Amino acid sequence: MSWDYCASAVGIELQTVMAVFQIVADTPAARQRCRVMAMAVSEVGGRSIRLPEQHNGLVQQDMA
């Protein structure tokens, strides 16, 4: 499963997904988290899930 698929499945931008998982992006644990998020979205009918704005701000600050 690609990060693009994960991002589209949960309705968040790929950049945000990569920022959240940047430390473990290439590990099996991160790929499993991605699958779990995608499955959770499927179970609730494909509704978008978005990170709270405050989390986006924290991620952007950490990356700056």
Protein backbone atom coordinates (compact mmCIF):
# COMPACT_ATOMS: atom_id res chain seq x y z
CA MET A 1 0.00 0.00 0.00
CA SER A 2 1.43 3.34 -1.00
CA TRP A 3 1.40 6.53 1.02
CA ASP A 4 -0.67 8.09 -1.79
CA TYR A 5 -3.36 5.47 -1.25
CA CYS A 6 -3.25 5.98 2.49
CA ALA A 7 -3.58 9.75 2.16
CA SER A 8 -6.48 9.55 -0.26
CA ALA A 9 -8.22 6.87 1.79
CA VAL A 10 -8.23 8.97 4.94
CA GLY A 11 -8.85 12.29 3.21
CA ILE A 12 -5.68 14.06 4.28
CA GLU A 13 -2.81 15.44 2.26
CA LEU A 14 0.14 13.17 1.51
CA GLN A 15 2.50 15.78 2.94
CA THR A 16 0.67 15.65 6.26
CA VAL A 17 0.78 11.86 6.32
CA MET A 18 4.52 11.89 5.65
CA ALA A 19 5.09 14.55 8.32
CA VAL A 20 3.20 12.53 10.89
CA PHE A 21 5.09 9.34 10.06
CA GLN A 22 8.43 10.87 9.05
CA ILE A 23 10.37 9.13 11.82
CA VAL A 24 9.06 5.64 10.98
CA ALA A 25 7.94 6.18 7.39
CA ASP A 26 9.85 3.19 6.03
CA THR A 27 9.09 0.72 8.78
CA PRO A 28 6.50 -2.07 8.84
CA ALA A 29 4.86 -0.40 11.85
CA ALA A 30 4.15 2.76 9.85
CA ARG A 31 2.75 0.78 6.93
CA GLN A 32 0.51 -1.10 9.36
CA ARG A 33 -0.78 2.18 10.81
CA CYS A 34 -1.57 3.31 7.29
CA ARG A 35 -3.55 0.13 6.61
CA VAL A 36 -5.44 0.48 9.89
CA MET A 37 -6.44 4.06 9.03
CA ALA A 38 -7.59 3.03 5.57
CA MET A 39 -9.63 0.13 6.96
CA ALA A 40 -11.21 2.36 9.61
CA VAL A 41 -12.33 4.79 6.91
CA SER A 42 -13.79 1.94 4.87
CA GLU A 43 -15.77 0.74 7.88
CA VAL A 44 -17.37 4.14 8.45
CA GLY A 45 -18.40 4.51 4.83
CA GLY A 46 -15.43 6.36 3.42
CA ARG A 47 -16.03 9.65 5.20
CA SER A 48 -13.02 11.93 5.31
CA ILE A 49 -10.89 12.10 8.42
CA ARG A 50 -8.84 15.24 8.99
CA LEU A 51 -6.26 16.02 11.60
CA PRO A 52 -7.24 18.87 13.92
CA GLU A 53 -5.87 22.23 12.80
CA GLN A 54 -3.75 22.50 15.94
CA HIS A 55 -1.96 19.28 14.97
CA ASN A 56 -1.27 20.62 11.49
CA GLY A 57 0.29 23.72 13.07
CA LEU A 58 2.49 21.61 15.31
CA VAL A 59 3.65 19.49 12.40
CA GLN A 60 4.48 22.56 10.33
CA GLN A 61 6.43 24.09 13.22
CA ASP A 62 8.40 20.89 13.72
CA MET A 63 9.30 20.76 10.03
CA ALA A 64 10.39 24.41 9.85
